[in-house]
Amino acid sequence: MTTPNINPPKGAIHLIGTFYFFYFALVGVYIIFLPKLLLGNGFSAIEVGIIYASGPFMRFLLPFVFRHLIHLTHRVYRISLITAMLSSFLFFVTIDNFWAYLITNLIFGASLGAVLPFVETIAIQVISKERYGKVRLWGSVGFITVALLLGSVLSTPQDGMFYLSTTAIVTLLAGYLIVNFDQESIPDKSIQETNKGFSIMRYWAFWLSAFLLQVSFGGFYNFFTIYQTAHGISMQTAGYLWSFGVLCEIILFYYQGPLLKRDLLLLIKISIMTAILRWSLLYLFPGSLLIAYASQSLHAFSFALYYTAVISYVYNLYTQKKLAQQFLLGLTFGLGASVGAVIAGWIYDFDSRLLFGFEAIVATFSLLAILIHQKRTKQIHQGDLL
C-alpha cells in the first residue's frame, strides 16, 4: 500500500486545489445552466434528458472498459484531458444538431470519467485523507462560484460554451501537471495483470450500499427545487437553500481531518444515517423553511463526509486504486445517479408527497448493506469467507 507523504511535494496542494476548482466549475456550467440554454435553443425536454443521461451512462460503462480493454496509464489520462477540452470546443459546432451534440456529450462524459478518478487517487496519495478535505473544498468553491456569478451573465448557448471551454482549458493545464505527483510506480505493462485481480463481488455489499445511497439522492438532485416550490417556497429561496447546503459542505471539508483518523466504516455508517434523517425530515415536514434549512445543513455529512470517507475506504480496500476509484464513480454518480433520477421521476409523477419518504427507505437499505459488508469483511479477514 502506498503511504501518503507527510510533507506533500512543493506546489502539489495548490495545483490539485486549482484542478478541483476549475473541474467543478466546469461541471457547474455544464449541469446548472446548459440544460436551460439548450431548451431555449430548440431542443425538446426529452432530448435534453437523453443528453444528460449520456454522461452518467459513460461513467458507469467506463470502468468495465478500463478493466478489460484499456488501462488508465499516464498517457491515457493525458489523452482524456485533451479529449475533454477538444469536446468542449466541439459543442460550439454541434449545438444545432441533436445527434452530433449527443455524440459530443458521450465523448465528453467518457473523458471526464477517466480524469477525476485518476486525480482523486493522486490526491489521497499526496496529501493524505486527513488533509484531503481542505483541498477538495476548492471544488465546491468553484461550483458555487459558477452558480452565483453566471446566472445573470449567460443568455445564449454560445455564452455557456465559452465558459465551459475556458474552464476546460484551465482544467487541462492543471490536470496535465498533476500526473507528475503520481507515486504509484506500476509499469504500464503490469497494470493489465494487476487489474485482473479486481473483484466487485468480493465486497458486493459495499458496492450495493454505495449504489443505493446515490439512488436515494435522485430525488434531491432532480426534484428538490420542484418539491420546495410546489410547497410554497419561492424559487429565489430555493436557490439560497442550495447555496447554504454547499456552504455547509465546504465547512465540513475544511474541518473533517480529525474525523478521518477514525474508523472509515463508522464514518460511512454515520453519513448514511444522516441521509436517512435528511430525507425523512423533508418527507415529514414539506414546505417548512426551517426544516428545509436543517435538512440542507446535513448535506455536510450525507455528502461531504461520506464522499471523503468512501474514496479513502476504497483506496485502502483495493490495490488497483485508480480502477477502484473509477468503479466508485461509475456505480454511484454514473449508474446510481441515472437510476435514482428515473425512479424519482416515477415516484414524483405518481405522488409527489411520497418522494422523500421513498428516498429515506432506499437510504435505509444502503445502511443495511454496509452493515452486511462490515460483517462479511470481518469474516474475510478471519479466513472464514472466501
Protein backbone atom coordinates (compact mmCIF):
# COMPACT_ATOMS: atom_id res chain seq x y z
CA MET A 1 0.00 0.00 0.00
CA THR A 2 1.27 3.46 -0.89
CA THR A 3 1.78 5.65 2.15
CA PRO A 4 0.75 9.30 1.71
CA ASN A 5 3.51 11.86 2.09
CA ILE A 6 3.82 13.54 5.47
CA ASN A 7 5.12 16.58 3.59
CA PRO A 8 3.47 16.86 0.16
CA PRO A 9 5.72 17.84 -2.78
CA LYS A 10 6.07 21.58 -3.24
CA GLY A 11 3.19 23.01 -5.24
CA ALA A 12 1.13 19.79 -5.18
CA ILE A 13 -1.58 21.10 -2.86
CA HIS A 14 -2.06 24.34 -4.81
CA LEU A 15 -2.09 22.53 -8.14
CA ILE A 16 -4.61 19.88 -7.04
CA GLY A 17 -6.77 22.61 -5.46
CA THR A 18 -6.67 24.58 -8.72
CA PHE A 19 -7.71 21.47 -10.63
CA TYR A 20 -10.67 20.84 -8.32
CA PHE A 21 -11.81 24.48 -8.54
CA PHE A 22 -11.92 24.56 -12.34
CA TYR A 23 -13.06 20.95 -12.81
CA PHE A 24 -16.14 21.50 -10.66
CA ALA A 25 -16.67 24.99 -12.10
CA LEU A 26 -16.80 23.25 -15.47
CA VAL A 27 -19.29 20.73 -14.07
CA GLY A 28 -21.32 23.64 -12.68
CA VAL A 29 -21.59 25.33 -16.08
CA TYR A 30 -22.49 22.01 -17.67
CA ILE A 31 -25.27 20.88 -15.32
CA ILE A 32 -26.67 24.15 -13.90
CA PHE A 33 -27.01 26.35 -16.99
CA LEU A 34 -26.62 24.40 -20.21
CA PRO A 35 -29.86 22.36 -19.91
CA LYS A 36 -31.97 25.53 -19.79
CA LEU A 37 -29.95 27.11 -22.59
CA LEU A 38 -30.48 24.01 -24.72
CA LEU A 39 -34.24 24.25 -24.23
CA GLY A 40 -34.04 27.85 -25.42
CA ASN A 41 -32.09 26.72 -28.47
CA GLY A 42 -34.87 24.43 -29.72
CA PHE A 43 -34.07 21.12 -28.01
CA SER A 44 -37.06 19.30 -26.53
CA ALA A 45 -37.19 18.28 -22.87
CA ILE A 46 -36.88 14.63 -23.91
CA GLU A 47 -33.76 15.40 -25.97
CA VAL A 48 -32.19 17.29 -23.06
CA GLY A 49 -32.98 14.35 -20.78
CA ILE A 50 -31.29 11.91 -23.16
CA ILE A 51 -28.25 14.16 -23.49
CA TYR A 52 -27.85 14.48 -19.73
CA ALA A 53 -28.27 10.75 -19.21
CA SER A 54 -25.34 10.12 -21.58
CA GLY A 55 -22.66 11.38 -19.16
CA PRO A 56 -23.67 9.16 -16.21
CA PHE A 57 -24.04 6.24 -18.63
CA MET A 58 -20.46 6.68 -19.81
CA ARG A 59 -19.19 6.96 -16.23
CA PHE A 60 -20.87 3.63 -15.49
CA LEU A 61 -19.58 1.91 -18.64
CA LEU A 62 -16.03 3.23 -18.49
CA PRO A 63 -14.62 1.15 -15.58
CA PHE A 64 -15.50 -2.08 -17.38
CA VAL A 65 -13.71 -0.81 -20.48
CA PHE A 66 -10.64 0.11 -18.45
CA ARG A 67 -10.63 -3.23 -16.68
CA HIS A 68 -10.61 -5.34 -19.84
CA LEU A 69 -9.63 -3.25 -22.90
CA ILE A 70 -7.75 -0.07 -21.98
CA HIS A 71 -5.73 0.80 -18.89
CA LEU A 72 -5.56 4.13 -17.09
CA THR A 73 -1.91 4.92 -17.68
CA HIS A 74 -0.40 8.39 -17.57
CA ARG A 75 -0.66 8.57 -21.35
CA VAL A 76 -4.34 7.59 -21.41
CA TYR A 77 -5.08 10.08 -18.63
CA ARG A 78 -3.45 12.92 -20.55
CA ILE A 79 -5.28 11.94 -23.73
CA SER A 80 -8.53 12.03 -21.74
CA LEU A 81 -7.76 15.56 -20.57
CA ILE A 82 -7.07 16.72 -24.12
CA THR A 83 -10.19 14.97 -25.43
CA ALA A 84 -12.35 16.65 -22.77
CA MET A 85 -11.03 20.06 -23.82
CA LEU A 86 -11.49 19.36 -27.54
CA SER A 87 -15.03 18.11 -26.86
CA SER A 88 -15.85 21.41 -25.16
CA PHE A 89 -14.81 23.15 -28.39
CA LEU A 90 -16.95 20.74 -30.46
CA PHE A 91 -20.03 21.84 -28.51
CA PHE A 92 -19.86 25.13 -30.44
CA VAL A 93 -20.27 23.41 -33.82
CA THR A 94 -22.69 20.63 -32.80
CA ILE A 95 -25.16 22.72 -30.82
CA ASP A 96 -27.71 22.84 -33.66
CA ASN A 97 -27.83 19.08 -34.29
CA PHE A 98 -29.17 16.69 -31.65
CA TRP A 99 -27.26 13.59 -32.75
CA ALA A 100 -23.95 15.39 -33.22
CA TYR A 101 -24.36 17.10 -29.85
CA LEU A 102 -25.24 13.77 -28.19
CA ILE A 103 -22.12 12.09 -29.60
CA THR A 104 -20.01 15.01 -28.38
CA ASN A 105 -21.55 14.59 -24.90
CA LEU A 106 -20.72 10.88 -24.91
CA ILE A 107 -17.08 11.69 -25.69
CA PHE A 108 -17.05 14.50 -23.11
CA GLY A 109 -18.58 12.26 -20.42
CA ALA A 110 -16.15 9.42 -21.14
CA SER A 111 -13.17 11.77 -20.93
CA LEU A 112 -14.19 13.29 -17.61
CA GLY A 113 -14.99 9.81 -16.29
CA ALA A 114 -11.34 8.87 -16.71
CA VAL A 115 -9.90 12.12 -15.39
CA LEU A 116 -11.47 12.54 -11.93
CA PRO A 117 -10.70 9.04 -10.50
CA PHE A 118 -7.06 9.45 -11.57
CA VAL A 119 -6.74 12.77 -9.73
CA GLU A 120 -8.63 11.50 -6.67
CA THR A 121 -6.12 8.67 -6.32
CA ILE A 122 -3.16 11.02 -6.56
CA ALA A 123 -4.78 13.44 -4.09
CA ILE A 124 -5.13 10.70 -1.46
CA GLN A 125 -1.54 9.57 -2.18
CA VAL A 126 0.00 13.01 -1.90
CA ILE A 127 -1.99 14.95 0.70
CA SER A 128 -3.49 12.10 2.82
CA LYS A 129 -7.15 11.57 3.67
CA GLU A 130 -6.90 13.82 6.75
CA ARG A 131 -5.90 16.87 4.67
CA TYR A 132 -7.85 15.91 1.56
CA GLY A 133 -10.97 17.89 2.52
CA LYS A 134 -9.10 21.19 2.77
CA VAL A 135 -8.07 20.76 -0.86
CA ARG A 136 -11.25 19.16 -2.20
CA LEU A 137 -13.34 22.05 -0.83
CA TRP A 138 -11.98 24.19 -3.68
CA GLY A 139 -14.13 22.10 -5.99
CA SER A 140 -17.19 23.15 -4.02
CA VAL A 141 -15.99 26.77 -4.13
CA GLY A 142 -15.67 26.53 -7.92
CA PHE A 143 -19.14 25.05 -8.24
CA ILE A 144 -20.84 27.65 -6.03
CA THR A 145 -18.90 30.50 -7.72
CA VAL A 146 -20.34 29.47 -11.07
CA ALA A 147 -23.83 29.09 -9.58
CA LEU A 148 -23.77 32.57 -8.04
CA LEU A 149 -21.99 34.58 -10.73
CA LEU A 150 -23.00 33.21 -14.12
CA GLY A 151 -26.77 33.19 -13.71
CA SER A 152 -27.09 36.84 -14.78
CA VAL A 153 -24.42 36.58 -17.48
CA LEU A 154 -25.46 33.60 -19.60
CA SER A 155 -28.21 34.18 -22.12
CA THR A 156 -27.31 32.06 -25.16
CA PRO A 157 -25.86 28.55 -25.60
CA GLN A 158 -22.73 30.15 -27.05
CA ASP A 159 -22.21 32.04 -23.78
CA GLY A 160 -22.38 28.75 -21.91
CA MET A 161 -19.96 27.08 -24.35
CA PHE A 162 -17.46 29.91 -23.87
CA TYR A 163 -17.31 29.45 -20.09
CA LEU A 164 -17.33 25.67 -20.48
CA SER A 165 -14.33 25.81 -22.83
CA THR A 166 -12.48 28.31 -20.64
CA THR A 167 -12.79 26.14 -17.54
CA ALA A 168 -11.88 23.05 -19.62
CA ILE A 169 -8.62 24.70 -20.74
CA VAL A 170 -7.52 25.53 -17.17
CA THR A 171 -8.59 22.06 -16.02
CA LEU A 172 -6.38 20.59 -18.73
CA LEU A 173 -3.36 22.67 -17.74
CA ALA A 174 -3.64 21.83 -14.04
CA GLY A 175 -4.51 18.19 -14.65
CA TYR A 176 -1.68 17.72 -17.12
CA LEU A 177 0.86 18.68 -14.44
CA ILE A 178 -0.71 16.68 -11.61
CA VAL A 179 0.44 13.40 -13.14
CA ASN A 180 4.00 14.32 -12.10
CA PHE A 181 3.00 13.73 -8.47
CA ASP A 182 1.75 10.16 -9.03
CA GLN A 183 3.57 7.94 -6.53
CA GLU A 184 2.44 4.62 -7.98
CA SER A 185 5.33 3.06 -9.84
CA ILE A 186 3.49 0.18 -11.52
CA PRO A 187 4.81 -0.20 -15.08
CA ASP A 188 2.17 0.18 -17.79
CA LYS A 189 2.68 -3.45 -18.86
CA SER A 190 1.88 -4.63 -15.32
CA ILE A 191 -1.39 -2.74 -14.99
CA GLN A 192 -3.33 -5.29 -17.03
CA GLU A 193 -2.22 -8.15 -14.78
CA THR A 194 -2.93 -6.10 -11.66
CA ASN A 195 -6.45 -5.18 -12.83
CA LYS A 196 -7.33 -8.83 -13.47
CA GLY A 197 -7.42 -9.38 -9.71
CA PHE A 198 -10.02 -6.66 -9.19
CA SER A 199 -13.31 -8.02 -7.86
CA ILE A 200 -16.59 -6.29 -7.11
CA MET A 201 -18.25 -9.48 -5.90
CA ARG A 202 -15.73 -9.96 -3.09
CA TYR A 203 -17.13 -6.81 -1.46
CA TRP A 204 -20.54 -6.79 -3.17
CA ALA A 205 -22.39 -5.42 -0.12
CA PHE A 206 -20.18 -2.32 -0.02
CA TRP A 207 -20.79 -1.58 -3.70
CA LEU A 208 -24.52 -2.16 -3.26
CA SER A 209 -24.58 0.29 -0.35
CA ALA A 210 -22.72 2.98 -2.34
CA PHE A 211 -25.06 2.47 -5.30
CA LEU A 212 -28.22 2.65 -3.18
CA LEU A 213 -27.14 5.80 -1.36
CA GLN A 214 -26.64 7.60 -4.65
CA VAL A 215 -30.01 6.32 -5.86
CA SER A 216 -31.52 7.98 -2.79
CA PHE A 217 -30.04 11.29 -3.92
CA GLY A 218 -32.05 11.10 -7.17
CA GLY A 219 -35.00 12.93 -5.66
CA PHE A 220 -32.77 15.62 -4.19
CA TYR A 221 -30.62 16.45 -7.22
CA ASN A 222 -33.50 16.40 -9.69
CA PHE A 223 -36.61 17.40 -7.73
CA PHE A 224 -35.56 19.33 -4.61
CA THR A 225 -36.30 22.74 -6.17
CA ILE A 226 -39.54 21.49 -7.75
CA TYR A 227 -40.60 19.87 -4.47
CA GLN A 228 -39.95 23.00 -2.39
CA THR A 229 -41.59 25.45 -4.80
CA ALA A 230 -44.63 23.15 -5.03
CA HIS A 231 -44.98 23.56 -1.25
CA GLY A 232 -44.87 27.35 -1.26
CA ILE A 233 -41.15 28.14 -1.09
CA SER A 234 -40.04 30.68 -3.70
CA MET A 235 -37.54 29.93 -6.45
CA GLN A 236 -35.14 32.53 -5.01
CA THR A 237 -35.31 30.91 -1.57
CA ALA A 238 -34.72 27.51 -3.16
CA GLY A 239 -31.52 28.96 -4.62
CA TYR A 240 -30.49 30.12 -1.15
CA LEU A 241 -31.14 26.60 0.16
CA TRP A 242 -28.84 25.11 -2.47
CA SER A 243 -26.10 27.65 -1.65
CA PHE A 244 -26.47 27.00 2.08
CA GLY A 245 -26.02 23.26 1.52
CA VAL A 246 -22.83 23.80 -0.47
CA LEU A 247 -21.56 26.22 2.20
CA CYS A 248 -22.08 23.56 4.90
CA GLU A 249 -20.28 21.08 2.63
CA ILE A 250 -17.29 23.44 2.31
CA ILE A 251 -17.08 23.96 6.10
CA LEU A 252 -17.04 20.23 6.78
CA PHE A 253 -14.48 19.59 4.04
CA TYR A 254 -12.21 22.07 5.84
CA TYR A 255 -12.64 20.69 9.37
CA GLN A 256 -13.14 16.96 8.72
CA GLY A 257 -9.43 16.00 9.01
CA PRO A 258 -9.52 14.78 12.63
CA LEU A 259 -12.66 12.72 11.91
CA LEU A 260 -10.89 10.80 9.16
CA LYS A 261 -8.35 9.44 11.62
CA ARG A 262 -11.19 7.31 12.98
CA ASP A 263 -12.77 4.15 11.59
CA LEU A 264 -13.77 4.95 8.00
CA LEU A 265 -16.59 2.39 8.00
CA LEU A 266 -18.03 4.07 11.09
CA LEU A 267 -17.98 7.44 9.30
CA ILE A 268 -19.70 5.88 6.28
CA LYS A 269 -22.44 4.47 8.51
CA ILE A 270 -22.92 7.82 10.26
CA SER A 271 -23.13 9.59 6.90
CA ILE A 272 -25.77 7.17 5.63
CA MET A 273 -27.80 7.56 8.83
CA THR A 274 -27.62 11.31 8.33
CA ALA A 275 -29.01 10.87 4.81
CA ILE A 276 -31.91 8.81 6.22
CA LEU A 277 -32.66 11.62 8.69
CA ARG A 278 -32.34 14.24 5.97
CA TRP A 279 -34.84 12.63 3.59
CA SER A 280 -37.19 11.82 6.49
CA LEU A 281 -37.31 15.48 7.54
CA LEU A 282 -38.20 16.57 4.01
CA TYR A 283 -40.92 13.91 3.84
CA LEU A 284 -42.46 14.68 7.23
CA PHE A 285 -42.33 18.49 7.04
CA PRO A 286 -42.93 19.59 3.43
CA GLY A 287 -42.99 23.35 2.97
CA SER A 288 -41.27 24.13 6.28
CA LEU A 289 -38.46 26.59 5.57
CA LEU A 290 -36.77 25.92 8.92
CA ILE A 291 -36.76 22.15 8.30
CA ALA A 292 -35.55 22.72 4.73
CA TYR A 293 -32.53 24.62 6.02
CA ALA A 294 -31.96 21.97 8.70
CA SER A 295 -32.01 19.24 6.06
CA GLN A 296 -29.60 21.20 3.87
CA SER A 297 -27.18 21.54 6.77
CA LEU A 298 -26.99 17.74 6.81
CA HIS A 299 -25.50 17.86 3.30
CA ALA A 300 -22.20 18.37 5.12
CA PHE A 301 -22.39 14.82 6.47
CA SER A 302 -24.52 12.93 3.94
CA PHE A 303 -22.35 14.16 1.05
CA ALA A 304 -19.07 15.79 2.11
CA LEU A 305 -18.09 13.42 4.94
CA TYR A 306 -19.42 10.39 3.07
CA TYR A 307 -17.56 11.33 -0.11
CA THR A 308 -14.19 11.65 1.58
CA ALA A 309 -14.68 8.60 3.79
CA VAL A 310 -15.77 6.37 0.92
CA ILE A 311 -12.98 7.29 -1.52
CA SER A 312 -10.47 6.85 1.31
CA TYR A 313 -12.00 3.49 2.21
CA VAL A 314 -11.87 2.28 -1.40
CA TYR A 315 -8.26 3.48 -1.63
CA ASN A 316 -7.37 1.24 1.31
CA LEU A 317 -9.58 -1.67 0.22
CA TYR A 318 -8.03 -2.33 -3.22
CA THR A 319 -4.53 -2.46 -4.64
CA GLN A 320 -5.95 -1.43 -8.05
CA LYS A 321 -6.52 2.09 -6.74
CA LYS A 322 -7.30 4.05 -9.91
CA LEU A 323 -9.59 1.32 -11.23
CA ALA A 324 -11.39 1.16 -7.87
CA GLN A 325 -11.99 4.92 -7.97
CA GLN A 326 -13.36 4.57 -11.49
CA PHE A 327 -15.81 1.90 -10.36
CA LEU A 328 -16.82 4.05 -7.39
CA LEU A 329 -17.57 6.98 -9.69
CA GLY A 330 -19.26 4.76 -12.27
CA LEU A 331 -21.53 2.79 -9.95
CA THR A 332 -22.55 5.80 -7.84
CA PHE A 333 -22.55 9.06 -9.83
CA GLY A 334 -22.98 7.02 -13.00
CA LEU A 335 -25.46 4.17 -12.62
CA GLY A 336 -26.79 5.26 -9.23
CA ALA A 337 -27.47 8.81 -10.43
CA SER A 338 -29.22 7.58 -13.58
CA VAL A 339 -31.39 5.02 -11.80
CA GLY A 340 -32.13 7.48 -9.00
CA ALA A 341 -33.26 10.17 -11.43
CA VAL A 342 -35.58 7.82 -13.32
CA ILE A 343 -37.15 6.30 -10.17
CA ALA A 344 -37.55 9.73 -8.57
CA GLY A 345 -39.39 10.91 -11.68
CA TRP A 346 -41.77 7.94 -11.49
CA ILE A 347 -42.42 8.44 -7.78
CA TYR A 348 -42.94 12.19 -8.12
CA ASP A 349 -45.31 11.70 -11.02
CA PHE A 350 -47.28 9.08 -9.06
CA ASP A 351 -47.48 11.06 -5.79
CA SER A 352 -45.02 13.87 -5.08
CA ARG A 353 -45.66 13.60 -1.32
CA LEU A 354 -44.07 10.15 -1.25
CA LEU A 355 -40.77 11.14 -2.90
CA PHE A 356 -38.50 11.75 0.08
CA GLY A 357 -40.15 9.04 2.14
CA PHE A 358 -39.14 6.63 -0.59
CA GLU A 359 -35.60 8.09 -0.63
CA ALA A 360 -35.34 7.54 3.14
CA ILE A 361 -36.28 3.88 2.63
CA VAL A 362 -33.64 3.47 -0.11
CA ALA A 363 -31.01 5.05 2.17
CA THR A 364 -32.05 2.63 4.93
CA PHE A 365 -31.32 -0.30 2.60
CA SER A 366 -27.94 1.33 1.92
CA LEU A 367 -27.26 1.26 5.67
CA LEU A 368 -28.28 -2.40 5.90
CA ALA A 369 -25.94 -3.24 3.02
CA ILE A 370 -22.96 -1.54 4.68
CA LEU A 371 -23.69 -3.45 7.91
CA ILE A 372 -23.65 -6.69 5.89
CA HIS A 373 -20.35 -5.59 4.33
CA GLN A 374 -18.85 -4.92 7.76
CA LYS A 375 -19.78 -8.41 8.93
CA ARG A 376 -18.51 -10.05 5.72
CA THR A 377 -15.23 -8.12 5.84
CA LYS A 378 -14.53 -9.42 9.34
CA GLN A 379 -15.18 -12.95 8.11
CA ILE A 380 -12.92 -12.42 5.09
CA HIS A 381 -10.08 -11.16 7.29
CA GLN A 382 -10.54 -14.12 9.62
CA GLY A 383 -10.44 -16.50 6.65
CA ASP A 384 -13.98 -17.75 7.25
CA LEU A 385 -15.34 -16.32 3.97
CA LEU A 386 -13.65 -16.53 0.58
